[in-house]
Protein backbone atom coordinates (compact mmCIF):
# COMPACT_ATOMS: atom_id res chain seq x y z
CA UNK A 1 -7.40 1.22 13.36
CA UNK A 2 -9.98 2.26 15.96
CA UNK A 3 -13.09 0.54 17.32
CA UNK A 4 -16.25 1.76 19.02
CA UNK A 5 -19.55 0.16 19.97
CA UNK A 6 -22.27 1.95 18.02
CA UNK A 7 -25.95 1.06 18.03
CA UNK A 8 -25.28 -2.46 19.26
CA UNK A 9 -22.35 -3.34 17.03
CA UNK A 10 -18.59 -2.97 17.29
CA UNK A 11 -17.52 -0.79 14.38
CA UNK A 12 -13.87 -0.61 13.30
CA UNK A 13 -12.63 2.41 11.41
CA UNK A 14 -9.62 4.43 10.32
CA UNK A 15 -9.38 8.12 11.24
CA UNK A 16 -6.48 9.56 9.26
CA UNK A 17 -5.01 12.95 8.54
CA UNK A 18 -5.12 16.14 10.58
CA UNK A 19 -8.07 16.46 12.96
CA UNK A 20 -8.52 20.04 11.72
CA UNK A 21 -8.86 18.99 8.08
CA UNK A 22 -12.13 18.94 6.15
CA UNK A 23 -13.70 15.55 7.03
CA UNK A 24 -14.20 13.03 4.22
CA UNK A 25 -16.24 9.92 5.05
CA UNK A 26 -15.51 7.01 2.66
CA UNK A 27 -18.04 4.16 2.45
CA UNK A 28 -16.98 0.87 0.88
CA UNK A 29 -19.22 -1.34 -1.25
CA UNK A 30 -20.28 -4.98 -1.06
CA UNK A 31 -18.58 -7.31 -0.23
CA UNK A 32 -15.51 -5.31 0.70
CA UNK A 33 -14.09 -3.40 3.66
CA UNK A 34 -12.47 -0.08 4.42
CA UNK A 35 -9.14 -1.11 2.86
CA UNK A 36 -10.78 -0.72 -0.56
CA UNK A 37 -10.25 3.02 -0.04
CA UNK A 38 -6.58 2.75 1.01
CA UNK A 39 -5.18 4.65 -2.02
CA UNK A 40 -7.70 7.46 -1.52
CA UNK A 41 -7.24 7.59 2.25
CA UNK A 42 -3.49 8.03 1.78
CA UNK A 43 -3.79 10.71 -0.91
CA UNK A 44 -6.49 12.67 0.91
CA UNK A 45 -4.82 12.58 4.33
CA UNK A 46 -1.52 13.67 2.79
CA UNK A 47 -3.38 16.57 1.16
CA UNK A 48 -4.63 17.72 4.57
CA UNK A 49 -8.08 16.15 4.70
CA UNK A 50 -9.38 14.19 7.68
CA UNK A 51 -10.37 10.78 6.32
CA UNK A 52 -12.82 8.51 8.14
CA UNK A 53 -13.08 5.06 6.57
CA UNK A 54 -15.18 2.51 8.50
CA UNK A 55 -15.86 -1.16 8.07
CA UNK A 56 -19.64 -1.31 7.76
CA UNK A 57 -21.38 -3.64 10.21
CA UNK A 58 -21.06 -7.18 8.84
CA UNK A 59 -17.90 -6.37 6.88
CA UNK A 60 -14.17 -6.30 7.60
CA UNK A 61 -13.40 -6.28 11.31
CA UNK A 62 -16.78 -4.90 12.40
CA UNK A 63 -19.38 -7.02 14.16
CA UNK A 64 -21.93 -9.01 12.20
CA UNK A 65 -25.65 -8.39 12.56
CA UNK A 66 -27.29 -11.44 10.98
CA UNK A 67 -30.70 -11.42 9.35
CA UNK A 68 -31.35 -8.19 7.49
CA UNK A 69 -29.51 -4.87 7.61
CA UNK A 70 -31.10 -1.96 5.74
CA UNK A 71 -29.19 0.84 4.06
CA UNK A 72 -30.82 3.08 6.65
CA UNK A 73 -29.08 1.05 9.38
CA UNK A 74 -25.71 1.66 7.76
CA UNK A 75 -26.51 5.37 7.35
CA UNK A 76 -27.48 5.73 10.99
CA UNK A 77 -24.32 3.86 12.04
CA UNK A 78 -22.29 6.42 10.10
CA UNK A 79 -24.13 9.34 11.68
CA UNK A 80 -23.40 7.84 15.10
CA UNK A 81 -19.73 7.42 14.15
CA UNK A 82 -19.52 11.09 13.14
CA UNK A 83 -21.15 11.98 16.47
CA UNK A 84 -18.51 9.94 18.29
CA UNK A 85 -15.75 11.74 16.39
CA UNK A 86 -17.25 15.18 16.97
CA UNK A 87 -17.80 15.75 13.24
CA UNK A 88 -20.89 17.78 12.43
CA UNK A 89 -20.64 17.72 8.62
CA UNK A 90 -18.55 15.75 6.16
CA UNK A 91 -17.95 15.10 2.52
CA UNK A 92 -19.73 11.75 2.17
CA UNK A 93 -18.50 9.39 -0.54
CA UNK A 94 -19.30 5.82 -1.44
CA UNK A 95 -18.86 3.25 -4.18
CA UNK A 96 -21.60 0.89 -5.41
CA UNK A 97 -23.64 -0.09 -2.32
CA UNK A 98 -21.58 2.54 -0.50
CA UNK A 99 -22.87 5.12 -2.96
CA UNK A 100 -26.43 4.07 -2.18
CA UNK A 101 -25.63 4.35 1.53
CA UNK A 102 -24.29 7.86 0.83
CA UNK A 103 -27.59 8.73 -0.86
CA UNK A 104 -29.48 7.23 2.07
CA UNK A 105 -27.31 9.23 4.47
CA UNK A 106 -28.21 12.40 2.54
CA UNK A 107 -31.90 11.42 2.67
CA UNK A 108 -31.87 10.81 6.44
CA UNK A 109 -29.22 13.30 7.61
CA UNK A 110 -29.19 16.09 5.01
CA UNK A 111 -27.69 18.75 7.28
CA UNK A 112 -24.63 16.61 7.88
CA UNK A 113 -23.59 16.42 4.21
CA UNK A 114 -21.03 18.96 3.07
CA UNK A 115 -20.69 17.35 -0.36
CA UNK A 116 -21.42 13.98 -2.01
CA UNK A 117 -19.15 11.65 -3.98
CA UNK A 118 -21.05 8.89 -5.79
CA UNK A 119 -18.90 6.27 -7.51
CA UNK A 120 -20.28 3.49 -9.69
CA UNK A 121 -23.72 3.40 -8.15
CA UNK A 122 -27.38 3.64 -9.13
CA UNK A 123 -30.37 5.56 -7.81
CA UNK A 124 -33.53 3.50 -8.54
CA UNK A 125 -35.17 1.15 -6.08
CA UNK A 126 -34.59 -2.55 -6.67
CA UNK A 127 -36.74 -4.30 -9.27
CA UNK A 128 -38.80 -7.37 -8.37
CA UNK A 129 -36.31 -9.47 -10.32
CA UNK A 130 -33.44 -7.81 -8.47
CA UNK A 131 -35.06 -8.46 -5.09
CA UNK A 132 -35.42 -12.13 -5.92
CA UNK A 133 -31.81 -12.30 -7.12
CA UNK A 134 -30.40 -10.65 -3.99
CA UNK A 135 -32.34 -12.89 -1.65
CA UNK A 136 -31.32 -16.02 -3.57
CA UNK A 137 -27.70 -14.87 -3.47
CA UNK A 138 -27.98 -14.29 0.27
CA UNK A 139 -29.21 -17.85 0.71
CA UNK A 140 -26.35 -19.13 -1.43
CA UNK A 141 -23.66 -17.23 0.46
CA UNK A 142 -24.95 -18.57 3.77
CA UNK A 143 -24.93 -22.11 2.40
CA UNK A 144 -21.68 -22.06 0.41
CA UNK A 145 -19.52 -19.20 1.70
CA UNK A 146 -17.86 -16.47 -0.32
CA UNK A 147 -15.20 -18.26 -2.40
CA UNK A 148 -17.31 -19.39 -5.34
CA UNK A 149 -19.12 -16.09 -5.59
CA UNK A 150 -15.86 -14.12 -5.46
CA UNK A 151 -14.40 -16.11 -8.33
CA UNK A 152 -17.52 -15.63 -10.42
CA UNK A 153 -17.75 -11.85 -10.08
CA UNK A 154 -14.12 -10.71 -10.09
CA UNK A 155 -14.28 -10.00 -13.85
CA UNK A 156 -17.29 -7.75 -13.23
CA UNK A 157 -15.96 -6.01 -10.13
CA UNK A 158 -12.90 -5.14 -12.20
CA UNK A 159 -12.95 -4.65 -15.95
CA UNK A 160 -12.34 -8.15 -17.31
CA UNK A 161 -9.09 -7.08 -18.98
CA UNK A 162 -7.75 -5.76 -15.66
CA UNK A 163 -8.07 -9.12 -13.90
CA UNK A 164 -5.08 -10.40 -15.89
CA UNK A 165 -3.40 -7.02 -16.49
CA UNK A 166 -3.47 -6.09 -12.77
CA UNK A 167 -3.00 -9.34 -10.85
CA UNK A 168 -2.09 -7.55 -7.61
CA UNK A 169 -5.29 -5.49 -7.71
CA UNK A 170 -7.36 -8.55 -8.61
CA UNK A 171 -5.88 -10.50 -5.70
CA UNK A 172 -6.51 -7.64 -3.28
CA UNK A 173 -10.15 -7.43 -4.35
CA UNK A 174 -10.56 -11.21 -4.20
CA UNK A 175 -9.01 -11.33 -0.73
CA UNK A 176 -11.49 -8.72 0.53
CA UNK A 177 -14.46 -10.62 -0.89
CA UNK A 178 -13.31 -13.98 0.45
CA UNK A 179 -12.65 -12.55 3.91
CA UNK A 180 -16.17 -11.14 4.26
CA UNK A 181 -18.44 -12.98 6.71
CA UNK A 182 -21.26 -14.55 4.66
CA UNK A 183 -23.76 -13.62 7.38
CA UNK A 184 -22.88 -9.95 7.02
CA UNK A 185 -22.98 -10.08 3.23
CA UNK A 186 -26.33 -11.88 3.26
CA UNK A 187 -27.87 -9.43 5.73
CA UNK A 188 -26.83 -6.47 3.59
CA UNK A 189 -28.12 -8.11 0.41
CA UNK A 190 -31.55 -8.65 1.98
CA UNK A 191 -31.72 -5.09 3.26
CA UNK A 192 -30.43 -3.55 0.05
CA UNK A 193 -33.13 -5.38 -1.90
CA UNK A 194 -35.67 -3.17 -0.11
CA UNK A 195 -33.94 0.18 -0.63
CA UNK A 196 -35.99 3.25 -1.56
CA UNK A 197 -35.85 5.10 -4.86
CA UNK A 198 -33.25 7.83 -4.50
CA UNK A 199 -34.50 9.53 -7.65
CA UNK A 200 -37.16 11.01 -5.36
CA UNK A 201 -34.65 12.87 -3.20
CA UNK A 202 -31.64 13.58 -5.42
CA UNK A 203 -33.16 16.64 -7.14
CA UNK A 204 -33.26 18.42 -3.77
CA UNK A 205 -29.50 18.09 -3.27
CA UNK A 206 -27.85 21.51 -3.35
CA UNK A 207 -24.43 20.53 -2.00
CA UNK A 208 -21.53 19.92 -4.42
CA UNK A 209 -21.77 16.44 -5.99
CA UNK A 210 -19.15 14.40 -7.82
CA UNK A 211 -20.30 11.43 -9.89
CA UNK A 212 -17.55 8.99 -10.92
CA UNK A 213 -17.89 5.87 -13.06
CA UNK A 214 -15.52 3.37 -14.61
CA UNK A 215 -15.83 3.58 -18.39
CA UNK A 216 -16.26 -0.20 -18.62
CA UNK A 217 -18.44 -0.78 -15.54
CA UNK A 218 -20.92 -3.58 -16.32
CA UNK A 219 -22.75 -3.48 -12.97
CA UNK A 220 -23.58 0.24 -12.92
CA UNK A 221 -22.71 1.50 -16.40
CA UNK A 222 -22.28 5.07 -17.55
CA UNK A 223 -26.03 5.31 -18.21
CA UNK A 224 -26.65 4.94 -14.46
CA UNK A 225 -24.20 7.75 -13.73
CA UNK A 226 -25.82 9.90 -16.41
CA UNK A 227 -29.23 9.38 -14.81
CA UNK A 228 -27.91 10.70 -11.49
CA UNK A 229 -26.33 13.61 -13.36
CA UNK A 230 -29.68 14.50 -14.94
CA UNK A 231 -31.30 14.47 -11.50
CA UNK A 232 -28.54 16.66 -10.01
CA UNK A 233 -27.71 18.93 -12.95
CA UNK A 234 -25.14 20.98 -11.05
CA UNK A 235 -23.11 17.84 -10.31
CA UNK A 236 -19.70 17.12 -11.82
CA UNK A 237 -19.39 13.82 -13.66
CA UNK A 238 -16.16 12.00 -14.56
CA UNK A 239 -15.62 8.77 -16.45
CA UNK A 240 -12.42 6.85 -15.60
CA UNK A 241 -10.93 5.08 -18.61
CA UNK A 242 -9.52 1.54 -18.35
CA UNK A 243 -11.65 0.73 -15.30
CA UNK A 244 -14.75 -1.25 -14.40
CA UNK A 245 -16.86 -1.16 -11.23
CA UNK A 246 -13.99 -0.21 -8.89
CA UNK A 247 -12.06 2.63 -10.55
CA UNK A 248 -10.67 3.74 -7.17
CA UNK A 249 -8.77 0.43 -7.07
CA UNK A 250 -8.14 -0.09 -10.79
CA UNK A 251 -6.97 3.44 -11.60
CA UNK A 252 -6.27 5.03 -8.21
CA UNK A 253 -4.11 7.87 -9.53
CA UNK A 254 -6.77 8.96 -12.04
CA UNK A 255 -9.52 8.60 -9.45
CA UNK A 256 -7.54 10.57 -6.87
CA UNK A 257 -6.85 13.33 -9.38
CA UNK A 258 -10.57 13.70 -10.13
CA UNK A 259 -11.49 13.58 -6.44
CA UNK A 260 -8.87 16.08 -5.29
CA UNK A 261 -9.72 18.46 -8.14
CA UNK A 262 -13.40 18.34 -7.08
CA UNK A 263 -12.57 18.92 -3.43
CA UNK A 264 -10.19 21.80 -4.08
CA UNK A 265 -12.25 23.62 -6.73
CA UNK A 266 -15.87 22.99 -5.76
CA UNK A 267 -16.06 22.21 -2.04
CA UNK A 268 -15.61 25.02 0.48
CA UNK A 269 -12.93 24.27 3.04
CA UNK A 270 -15.27 24.90 5.95
CA UNK A 271 -18.92 24.12 6.38
């Protein structure tokens, strides 16, 4: 693990694989950390890719910025991290909130995106009801901590049947959620509530795009993935069976197969 002070916050990150490999930036979702991508980081680095997997500010080992952190803040942090690492362009991938950060990164730093990987995410701006929900949840996490929330959502983060069928995976996901600083989670929730509508910018994307979704995702169902696919008609879309909102954790071998096939067949090695 490495650490660097970027834009006023200490950001911890992994930088794995050969430095000459095609860079792949992996962005975790809420309320997780970079270890969510451990199966992908291993497979990609072993296949010769350079994998950069950070803890977003407020998550994992990175510093907390209380108050409100916008998706644009996360995107600019990631651009600064790539600057620090001497990486001009990268394959940018994210899951859930991380997918929205990837879309925000493409909106703000389009020339730095070699390809996009969008897993279990959605493009529209938040609804008024959603804004109210996220801000109430932020208040609750600050008041109560993460434990109660983690227990309530585990059967939505994973497909409900996988919570009992995959106890090790469920425990790993629960541990990540419980370890998250409530101040970081709350700040991201408040900022994410004010995200822009990525449907306005997705049609302009010309880089290769992979859309992945768990077949039984209840948070961002297949219809959300299909909407992104309609906006980016040249994109590749894959549904992962026997998975919910976190197919990279629930079915890592299937996810890795889809990801590596995309990278080897549709993404130029250099760019």
